[in-house]
Amino acid sequence: MSHVMKSQKKLLTRIRRIKGQASALESALETNTDCIAVLQQVAAIRGAVTGLMAELMEEHMREHLGADNVSPEQRKEDMDQVITVIRSYLK
């Protein structure tokens, strides 16, 4: 079973929270809410997405890079994939 499936309920809860925050941001923009409140909402969404990314990355690295039964070639390939994802996330 993949690590994503093991944590599915927890991850879906995070996603639903992010969706709620995005909906609140949309409503704030539609109702001409104060700029600081909009900025705070954007910061909250960014933090939530960053937390989700960190959790997924940690689980992925523990499962794929920390496993004893992974060959050095597979470990290098997995590491390259993680680096690619991190670089695209940080752009």
PDB file of N, CA and C in Angstrom:
ATOM      1  N   MET A   1       0.849  -1.175   0.000  1.00  0.00           N
ATOM      2  CA  MET A   1       0.000   0.000   0.000  1.00  0.00           C
ATOM      3  C   MET A   1       0.897   1.242   0.000  1.00  0.00           C
ATOM      4  N   SER A   2       0.586   2.188  -0.847  1.00  0.00           N
ATOM      5  CA  SER A   2       1.418   3.392  -0.938  1.00  0.00           C
ATOM      6  C   SER A   2       1.209   4.272   0.293  1.00  0.00           C
ATOM      7  N   HIS A   3       2.200   5.089   0.570  1.00  0.00           N
ATOM      8  CA  HIS A   3       2.114   5.976   1.727  1.00  0.00           C
ATOM      9  C   HIS A   3       0.987   6.977   1.584  1.00  0.00           C
ATOM     10  N   VAL A   4       0.629   7.344   0.354  1.00  0.00           N
ATOM     11  CA  VAL A   4      -0.476   8.279   0.143  1.00  0.00           C
ATOM     12  C   VAL A   4      -1.795   7.622   0.550  1.00  0.00           C
ATOM     13  N   MET A   5      -1.935   6.360   0.233  1.00  0.00           N
ATOM     14  CA  MET A   5      -3.163   5.647   0.595  1.00  0.00           C
ATOM     15  C   MET A   5      -3.254   5.463   2.113  1.00  0.00           C
ATOM     16  N   LYS A   6      -2.125   5.226   2.776  1.00  0.00           N
ATOM     17  CA  LYS A   6      -2.128   5.065   4.236  1.00  0.00           C
ATOM     18  C   LYS A   6      -2.585   6.343   4.928  1.00  0.00           C
ATOM     19  N   SER A   7      -2.255   7.486   4.354  1.00  0.00           N
ATOM     20  CA  SER A   7      -2.574   8.789   4.953  1.00  0.00           C
ATOM     21  C   SER A   7      -3.735   9.479   4.254  1.00  0.00           C
ATOM     22  N   GLN A   8      -4.495   8.748   3.473  1.00  0.00           N
ATOM     23  CA  GLN A   8      -5.517   9.356   2.622  1.00  0.00           C
ATOM     24  C   GLN A   8      -6.501  10.234   3.394  1.00  0.00           C
ATOM     25  N   LYS A   9      -7.016   9.739   4.494  1.00  0.00           N
ATOM     26  CA  LYS A   9      -8.013  10.506   5.243  1.00  0.00           C
ATOM     27  C   LYS A   9      -7.432  11.824   5.743  1.00  0.00           C
ATOM     28  N   LYS A  10      -6.229  11.759   6.306  1.00  0.00           N
ATOM     29  CA  LYS A  10      -5.566  12.957   6.829  1.00  0.00           C
ATOM     30  C   LYS A  10      -5.270  13.946   5.699  1.00  0.00           C
ATOM     31  N   LEU A  11      -4.794  13.435   4.562  1.00  0.00           N
ATOM     32  CA  LEU A  11      -4.476  14.309   3.426  1.00  0.00           C
ATOM     33  C   LEU A  11      -5.729  14.953   2.851  1.00  0.00           C
ATOM     34  N   LEU A  12      -6.800  14.173   2.735  1.00  0.00           N
ATOM     35  CA  LEU A  12      -8.053  14.734   2.220  1.00  0.00           C
ATOM     36  C   LEU A  12      -8.606  15.803   3.152  1.00  0.00           C
ATOM     37  N   THR A  13      -8.435  15.628   4.445  1.00  0.00           N
ATOM     38  CA  THR A  13      -8.858  16.652   5.402  1.00  0.00           C
ATOM     39  C   THR A  13      -8.093  17.947   5.154  1.00  0.00           C
ATOM     40  N   ARG A  14      -6.791  17.833   4.928  1.00  0.00           N
ATOM     41  CA  ARG A  14      -5.977  19.026   4.633  1.00  0.00           C
ATOM     42  C   ARG A  14      -6.441  19.698   3.345  1.00  0.00           C
ATOM     43  N   ILE A  15      -6.686  18.891   2.318  1.00  0.00           N
ATOM     44  CA  ILE A  15      -7.134  19.433   1.024  1.00  0.00           C
ATOM     45  C   ILE A  15      -8.471  20.157   1.178  1.00  0.00           C
ATOM     46  N   ARG A  16      -9.374  19.564   1.924  1.00  0.00           N
ATOM     47  CA  ARG A  16     -10.689  20.197   2.115  1.00  0.00           C
ATOM     48  C   ARG A  16     -10.559  21.517   2.872  1.00  0.00           C
ATOM     49  N   ARG A  17      -9.631  21.566   3.808  1.00  0.00           N
ATOM     50  CA  ARG A  17      -9.387  22.811   4.534  1.00  0.00           C
ATOM     51  C   ARG A  17      -8.853  23.875   3.573  1.00  0.00           C
ATOM     52  N   ILE A  18      -7.936  23.486   2.703  1.00  0.00           N
ATOM     53  CA  ILE A  18      -7.379  24.414   1.717  1.00  0.00           C
ATOM     54  C   ILE A  18      -8.479  24.904   0.777  1.00  0.00           C
ATOM     55  N   LYS A  19      -9.349  23.989   0.353  1.00  0.00           N
ATOM     56  CA  LYS A  19     -10.467  24.399  -0.510  1.00  0.00           C
ATOM     57  C   LYS A  19     -11.354  25.416   0.196  1.00  0.00           C
ATOM     58  N   GLY A  20     -11.600  25.201   1.479  1.00  0.00           N
ATOM     59  CA  GLY A  20     -12.398  26.154   2.247  1.00  0.00           C
ATOM     60  C   GLY A  20     -11.725  27.506   2.340  1.00  0.00           C
ATOM     61  N   GLN A  21     -10.416  27.494   2.540  1.00  0.00           N
ATOM     62  CA  GLN A  21      -9.671  28.748   2.601  1.00  0.00           C
ATOM     63  C   GLN A  21      -9.709  29.464   1.255  1.00  0.00           C
ATOM     64  N   ALA A  22      -9.596  28.709   0.170  1.00  0.00           N
ATOM     65  CA  ALA A  22      -9.646  29.318  -1.166  1.00  0.00           C
ATOM     66  C   ALA A  22     -11.030  29.907  -1.434  1.00  0.00           C
ATOM     67  N   SER A  23     -12.061  29.227  -1.001  1.00  0.00           N
ATOM     68  CA  SER A  23     -13.426  29.758  -1.161  1.00  0.00           C
ATOM     69  C   SER A  23     -13.602  31.043  -0.357  1.00  0.00           C
ATOM     70  N   ALA A  24     -13.060  31.066   0.855  1.00  0.00           N
ATOM     71  CA  ALA A  24     -13.137  32.275   1.682  1.00  0.00           C
ATOM     72  C   ALA A  24     -12.381  33.427   1.026  1.00  0.00           C
ATOM     73  N   LEU A  25     -11.239  33.111   0.406  1.00  0.00           N
ATOM     74  CA  LEU A  25     -10.483  34.143  -0.302  1.00  0.00           C
ATOM     75  C   LEU A  25     -11.287  34.688  -1.478  1.00  0.00           C
ATOM     76  N   GLU A  26     -11.895  33.792  -2.228  1.00  0.00           N
ATOM     77  CA  GLU A  26     -12.727  34.215  -3.358  1.00  0.00           C
ATOM     78  C   GLU A  26     -13.853  35.128  -2.878  1.00  0.00           C
ATOM     79  N   SER A  27     -14.510  34.747  -1.798  1.00  0.00           N
ATOM     80  CA  SER A  27     -15.598  35.570  -1.244  1.00  0.00           C
ATOM     81  C   SER A  27     -15.081  36.924  -0.781  1.00  0.00           C
ATOM     82  N   ALA A  28     -13.905  36.911  -0.157  1.00  0.00           N
ATOM     83  CA  ALA A  28     -13.328  38.173   0.313  1.00  0.00           C
ATOM     84  C   ALA A  28     -13.056  39.116  -0.850  1.00  0.00           C
ATOM     85  N   LEU A  29     -12.570  38.567  -1.949  1.00  0.00           N
ATOM     86  CA  LEU A  29     -12.300  39.406  -3.117  1.00  0.00           C
ATOM     87  C   LEU A  29     -13.592  39.904  -3.752  1.00  0.00           C
ATOM     88  N   GLU A  30     -14.614  39.069  -3.759  1.00  0.00           N
ATOM     89  CA  GLU A  30     -15.901  39.466  -4.358  1.00  0.00           C
ATOM     90  C   GLU A  30     -16.612  40.531  -3.533  1.00  0.00           C
ATOM     91  N   THR A  31     -16.366  40.538  -2.227  1.00  0.00           N
ATOM     92  CA  THR A  31     -17.069  41.489  -1.359  1.00  0.00           C
ATOM     93  C   THR A  31     -16.208  42.693  -0.998  1.00  0.00           C
ATOM     94  N   ASN A  32     -15.103  42.859  -1.687  1.00  0.00           N
ATOM     95  CA  ASN A  32     -14.247  44.030  -1.490  1.00  0.00           C
ATOM     96  C   ASN A  32     -13.745  44.139  -0.042  1.00  0.00           C
ATOM     97  N   THR A  33     -13.298  43.012   0.495  1.00  0.00           N
ATOM     98  CA  THR A  33     -12.770  42.952   1.853  1.00  0.00           C
ATOM     99  C   THR A  33     -11.466  43.733   1.945  1.00  0.00           C
ATOM    100  N   ASP A  34     -11.168  44.195   3.140  1.00  0.00           N
ATOM    101  CA  ASP A  34      -9.947  44.948   3.405  1.00  0.00           C
ATOM    102  C   ASP A  34      -8.719  44.191   2.906  1.00  0.00           C
ATOM    103  N   CYS A  35      -7.771  44.925   2.358  1.00  0.00           N
ATOM    104  CA  CYS A  35      -6.574  44.352   1.754  1.00  0.00           C
ATOM    105  C   CYS A  35      -5.791  43.467   2.732  1.00  0.00           C
ATOM    106  N   ILE A  36      -5.655  43.896   3.977  1.00  0.00           N
ATOM    107  CA  ILE A  36      -4.897  43.125   4.968  1.00  0.00           C
ATOM    108  C   ILE A  36      -5.563  41.777   5.218  1.00  0.00           C
ATOM    109  N   ALA A  37      -6.864  41.743   5.279  1.00  0.00           N
ATOM    110  CA  ALA A  37      -7.582  40.480   5.483  1.00  0.00           C
ATOM    111  C   ALA A  37      -7.359  39.533   4.304  1.00  0.00           C
ATOM    112  N   VAL A  38      -7.334  40.083   3.099  1.00  0.00           N
ATOM    113  CA  VAL A  38      -7.076  39.269   1.905  1.00  0.00           C
ATOM    114  C   VAL A  38      -5.649  38.732   1.952  1.00  0.00           C
ATOM    115  N   LEU A  39      -4.695  39.571   2.301  1.00  0.00           N
ATOM    116  CA  LEU A  39      -3.308  39.132   2.395  1.00  0.00           C
ATOM    117  C   LEU A  39      -3.146  38.041   3.459  1.00  0.00           C
ATOM    118  N   GLN A  40      -3.834  38.191   4.572  1.00  0.00           N
ATOM    119  CA  GLN A  40      -3.769  37.169   5.627  1.00  0.00           C
ATOM    120  C   GLN A  40      -4.343  35.842   5.134  1.00  0.00           C
ATOM    121  N   GLN A  41      -5.403  35.922   4.356  1.00  0.00           N
ATOM    122  CA  GLN A  41      -6.008  34.702   3.821  1.00  0.00           C
ATOM    123  C   GLN A  41      -5.055  34.021   2.838  1.00  0.00           C
ATOM    124  N   VAL A  42      -4.399  34.809   2.000  1.00  0.00           N
ATOM    125  CA  VAL A  42      -3.416  34.250   1.062  1.00  0.00           C
ATOM    126  C   VAL A  42      -2.268  33.592   1.840  1.00  0.00           C
ATOM    127  N   ALA A  43      -1.816  34.249   2.893  1.00  0.00           N
ATOM    128  CA  ALA A  43      -0.738  33.678   3.713  1.00  0.00           C
ATOM    129  C   ALA A  43      -1.185  32.368   4.364  1.00  0.00           C
ATOM    130  N   ALA A  44      -2.428  32.307   4.808  1.00  0.00           N
ATOM    131  CA  ALA A  44      -2.949  31.083   5.423  1.00  0.00           C
ATOM    132  C   ALA A  44      -3.004  29.945   4.406  1.00  0.00           C
ATOM    133  N   ILE A  45      -3.429  30.251   3.198  1.00  0.00           N
ATOM    134  CA  ILE A  45      -3.491  29.234   2.146  1.00  0.00           C
ATOM    135  C   ILE A  45      -2.085  28.756   1.801  1.00  0.00           C
ATOM    136  N   ARG A  46      -1.174  29.690   1.683  1.00  0.00           N
ATOM    137  CA  ARG A  46       0.208  29.313   1.373  1.00  0.00           C
ATOM    138  C   ARG A  46       0.776  28.408   2.461  1.00  0.00           C
ATOM    139  N   GLY A  47       0.531  28.747   3.702  1.00  0.00           N
ATOM    140  CA  GLY A  47       0.997  27.924   4.810  1.00  0.00           C
ATOM    141  C   GLY A  47       0.391  26.535   4.781  1.00  0.00           C
ATOM    142  N   ALA A  48      -0.887  26.454   4.456  1.00  0.00           N
ATOM    143  CA  ALA A  48      -1.565  25.160   4.392  1.00  0.00           C
ATOM    144  C   ALA A  48      -0.997  24.296   3.264  1.00  0.00           C
ATOM    145  N   VAL A  49      -0.749  24.900   2.126  1.00  0.00           N
ATOM    146  CA  VAL A  49      -0.182  24.159   0.991  1.00  0.00           C
ATOM    147  C   VAL A  49       1.251  23.730   1.309  1.00  0.00           C
ATOM    148  N   THR A  50       2.007  24.613   1.948  1.00  0.00           N
ATOM    149  CA  THR A  50       3.375  24.271   2.332  1.00  0.00           C
ATOM    150  C   THR A  50       3.377  23.105   3.328  1.00  0.00           C
ATOM    151  N   GLY A  51       2.454  23.123   4.262  1.00  0.00           N
ATOM    152  CA  GLY A  51       2.340  22.022   5.217  1.00  0.00           C
ATOM    153  C   GLY A  51       1.991  20.710   4.542  1.00  0.00           C
ATOM    154  N   LEU A  52       1.081  20.767   3.588  1.00  0.00           N
ATOM    155  CA  LEU A  52       0.701  19.575   2.825  1.00  0.00           C
ATOM    156  C   LEU A  52       1.898  19.048   2.047  1.00  0.00           C
ATOM    157  N   MET A  53       2.612  19.945   1.391  1.00  0.00           N
ATOM    158  CA  MET A  53       3.783  19.547   0.614  1.00  0.00           C
ATOM    159  C   MET A  53       4.834  18.909   1.519  1.00  0.00           C
ATOM    160  N   ALA A  54       5.087  19.509   2.669  1.00  0.00           N
ATOM    161  CA  ALA A  54       6.082  18.980   3.600  1.00  0.00           C
ATOM    162  C   ALA A  54       5.700  17.588   4.079  1.00  0.00           C
ATOM    163  N   GLU A  55       4.437  17.396   4.393  1.00  0.00           N
ATOM    164  CA  GLU A  55       3.985  16.084   4.853  1.00  0.00           C
ATOM    165  C   GLU A  55       4.133  15.025   3.766  1.00  0.00           C
ATOM    166  N   LEU A  56       3.717  15.360   2.560  1.00  0.00           N
ATOM    167  CA  LEU A  56       3.842  14.412   1.449  1.00  0.00           C
ATOM    168  C   LEU A  56       5.301  14.101   1.134  1.00  0.00           C
ATOM    169  N   MET A  57       6.140  15.124   1.140  1.00  0.00           N
ATOM    170  CA  MET A  57       7.559  14.911   0.849  1.00  0.00           C
ATOM    171  C   MET A  57       8.207  14.035   1.918  1.00  0.00           C
ATOM    172  N   GLU A  58       7.886  14.299   3.177  1.00  0.00           N
ATOM    173  CA  GLU A  58       8.467  13.500   4.255  1.00  0.00           C
ATOM    174  C   GLU A  58       8.062  12.031   4.124  1.00  0.00           C
ATOM    175  N   GLU A  59       6.783  11.793   3.899  1.00  0.00           N
ATOM    176  CA  GLU A  59       6.321  10.412   3.745  1.00  0.00           C
ATOM    177  C   GLU A  59       6.977   9.745   2.538  1.00  0.00           C
ATOM    178  N   HIS A  60       7.081  10.492   1.449  1.00  0.00           N
ATOM    179  CA  HIS A  60       7.688   9.937   0.244  1.00  0.00           C
ATOM    180  C   HIS A  60       9.147   9.575   0.503  1.00  0.00           C
ATOM    181  N   MET A  61       9.894  10.479   1.117  1.00  0.00           N
ATOM    182  CA  MET A  61      11.309  10.219   1.365  1.00  0.00           C
ATOM    183  C   MET A  61      11.503   9.059   2.335  1.00  0.00           C
ATOM    184  N   ARG A  62      10.688   8.992   3.359  1.00  0.00           N
ATOM    185  CA  ARG A  62      10.812   7.880   4.308  1.00  0.00           C
ATOM    186  C   ARG A  62      10.523   6.545   3.625  1.00  0.00           C
ATOM    187  N   GLU A  63       9.496   6.518   2.789  1.00  0.00           N
ATOM    188  CA  GLU A  63       9.103   5.270   2.139  1.00  0.00           C
ATOM    189  C   GLU A  63      10.053   4.867   1.011  1.00  0.00           C
ATOM    190  N   HIS A  64      10.448   5.834   0.197  1.00  0.00           N
ATOM    191  CA  HIS A  64      11.218   5.512  -1.000  1.00  0.00           C
ATOM    192  C   HIS A  64      12.728   5.643  -0.831  1.00  0.00           C
ATOM    193  N   LEU A  65      13.162   6.589  -0.029  1.00  0.00           N
ATOM    194  CA  LEU A  65      14.598   6.799   0.119  1.00  0.00           C
ATOM    195  C   LEU A  65      15.152   6.153   1.385  1.00  0.00           C
ATOM    196  N   GLY A  66      14.302   5.940   2.365  1.00  0.00           N
ATOM    197  CA  GLY A  66      14.760   5.376   3.622  1.00  0.00           C
ATOM    198  C   GLY A  66      14.596   3.876   3.734  1.00  0.00           C
ATOM    199  N   ALA A  67      13.956   3.277   2.756  1.00  0.00           N
ATOM    200  CA  ALA A  67      13.715   1.830   2.817  1.00  0.00           C
ATOM    201  C   ALA A  67      15.015   1.053   2.618  1.00  0.00           C
ATOM    202  N   ASP A  68      15.148  -0.023   3.357  1.00  0.00           N
ATOM    203  CA  ASP A  68      16.357  -0.847   3.258  1.00  0.00           C
ATOM    204  C   ASP A  68      16.410  -1.674   1.976  1.00  0.00           C
ATOM    205  N   ASN A  69      15.264  -1.946   1.399  1.00  0.00           N
ATOM    206  CA  ASN A  69      15.218  -2.838   0.240  1.00  0.00           C
ATOM    207  C   ASN A  69      15.321  -2.106  -1.098  1.00  0.00           C
ATOM    208  N   VAL A  70      15.752  -0.847  -1.087  1.00  0.00           N
ATOM    209  CA  VAL A  70      15.863  -0.053  -2.316  1.00  0.00           C
ATOM    210  C   VAL A  70      17.293  -0.137  -2.829  1.00  0.00           C
ATOM    211  N   SER A  71      17.426  -0.435  -4.108  1.00  0.00           N
ATOM    212  CA  SER A  71      18.760  -0.513  -4.711  1.00  0.00           C
ATOM    213  C   SER A  71      19.360   0.886  -4.825  1.00  0.00           C
ATOM    214  N   PRO A  72      20.676   0.977  -4.888  1.00  0.00           N
ATOM    215  CA  PRO A  72      21.315   2.297  -5.059  1.00  0.00           C
ATOM    216  C   PRO A  72      20.835   3.016  -6.322  1.00  0.00           C
ATOM    217  N   GLU A  73      20.596   2.272  -7.390  1.00  0.00           N
ATOM    218  CA  GLU A  73      20.120   2.891  -8.634  1.00  0.00           C
ATOM    219  C   GLU A  73      18.716   3.469  -8.446  1.00  0.00           C
ATOM    220  N   GLN A  74      17.856   2.689  -7.799  1.00  0.00           N
ATOM    221  CA  GLN A  74      16.483   3.157  -7.561  1.00  0.00           C
ATOM    222  C   GLN A  74      16.489   4.355  -6.605  1.00  0.00           C
ATOM    223  N   ARG A  75      17.343   4.296  -5.588  1.00  0.00           N
ATOM    224  CA  ARG A  75      17.446   5.399  -4.630  1.00  0.00           C
ATOM    225  C   ARG A  75      17.878   6.682  -5.344  1.00  0.00           C
ATOM    226  N   LYS A  76      18.841   6.583  -6.284  1.00  0.00           N
ATOM    227  CA  LYS A  76      19.290   7.756  -7.036  1.00  0.00           C
ATOM    228  C   LYS A  76      18.153   8.302  -7.900  1.00  0.00           C
ATOM    229  N   GLU A  77      17.420   7.412  -8.547  1.00  0.00           N
ATOM    230  CA  GLU A  77      16.286   7.846  -9.379  1.00  0.00           C
ATOM    231  C   GLU A  77      15.219   8.534  -8.532  1.00  0.00           C
ATOM    232  N   ASP A  78      14.907   7.944  -7.375  1.00  0.00           N
ATOM    233  CA  ASP A  78      13.929   8.558  -6.475  1.00  0.00           C
ATOM    234  C   ASP A  78      14.412   9.918  -5.975  1.00  0.00           C
ATOM    235  N   MET A  79      15.686  10.016  -5.654  1.00  0.00           N
ATOM    236  CA  MET A  79      16.254  11.283  -5.188  1.00  0.00           C
ATOM    237  C   MET A  79      16.165  12.341  -6.279  1.00  0.00           C
ATOM    238  N   ASP A  80      16.473  11.977  -7.509  1.00  0.00           N
ATOM    239  CA  ASP A  80      16.365  12.917  -8.629  1.00  0.00           C
ATOM    240  C   ASP A  80      14.930  13.405  -8.796  1.00  0.00           C
ATOM    241  N   GLN A  81      13.972  12.517  -8.620  1.00  0.00           N
ATOM    242  CA  GLN A  81      12.564  12.910  -8.726  1.00  0.00           C
ATOM    243  C   GLN A  81      12.180  13.894  -7.626  1.00  0.00           C
ATOM    244  N   VAL A  82      12.636  13.618  -6.409  1.00  0.00           N
ATOM    245  CA  VAL A  82      12.346  14.514  -5.286  1.00  0.00           C
ATOM    246  C   VAL A  82      12.957  15.886  -5.536  1.00  0.00           C
ATOM    247  N   ILE A  83      14.179  15.917  -5.998  1.00  0.00           N
ATOM    248  CA  ILE A  83      14.852  17.190  -6.279  1.00  0.00           C
ATOM    249  C   ILE A  83      14.096  17.971  -7.347  1.00  0.00           C
ATOM    250  N   THR A  84      13.627  17.289  -8.384  1.00  0.00           N
ATOM    251  CA  THR A  84      12.860  17.955  -9.438  1.00  0.00           C
ATOM    252  C   THR A  84      11.585  18.569  -8.883  1.00  0.00           C
ATOM    253  N   VAL A  85      10.888  17.822  -8.042  1.00  0.00           N
ATOM    254  CA  VAL A  85       9.642  18.331  -7.451  1.00  0.00           C
ATOM    255  C   VAL A  85       9.921  19.531  -6.552  1.00  0.00           C
ATOM    256  N   ILE A  86      10.943  19.441  -5.728  1.00  0.00           N
ATOM    257  CA  ILE A  86      11.292  20.550  -4.831  1.00  0.00           C
ATOM    258  C   ILE A  86      11.660  21.796  -5.631  1.00  0.00           C
ATOM    259  N   ARG A  87      12.433  21.620  -6.680  1.00  0.00           N
ATOM    260  CA  ARG A  87      12.809  22.776  -7.511  1.00  0.00           C
ATOM    261  C   ARG A  87      11.583  23.430  -8.152  1.00  0.00           C
ATOM    262  N   SER A  88      10.660  22.616  -8.666  1.00  0.00           N
ATOM    263  CA  SER A  88       9.456  23.195  -9.288  1.00  0.00           C
ATOM    264  C   SER A  88       8.581  23.868  -8.242  1.00  0.00           C
ATOM    265  N   TYR A  89       8.557  23.329  -7.029  1.00  0.00           N
ATOM    266  CA  TYR A  89       7.760  23.920  -5.955  1.00  0.00           C
ATOM    267  C   TYR A  89       8.328  25.271  -5.523  1.00  0.00           C
ATOM    268  N   LEU A  90       9.639  25.382  -5.527  1.00  0.00           N
ATOM    269  CA  LEU A  90      10.277  26.612  -5.056  1.00  0.00           C
ATOM    270  C   LEU A  90      10.328  27.717  -6.105  1.00  0.00           C
ATOM    271  N   LYS A  91       9.921  27.454  -7.316  1.00  0.00           N
ATOM    272  CA  LYS A  91       9.950  28.489  -8.365  1.00  0.00           C
ATOM    273  C   LYS A  91       8.964  29.584  -8.067  1.00  0.00           C
TER     274      LYS A  91
END
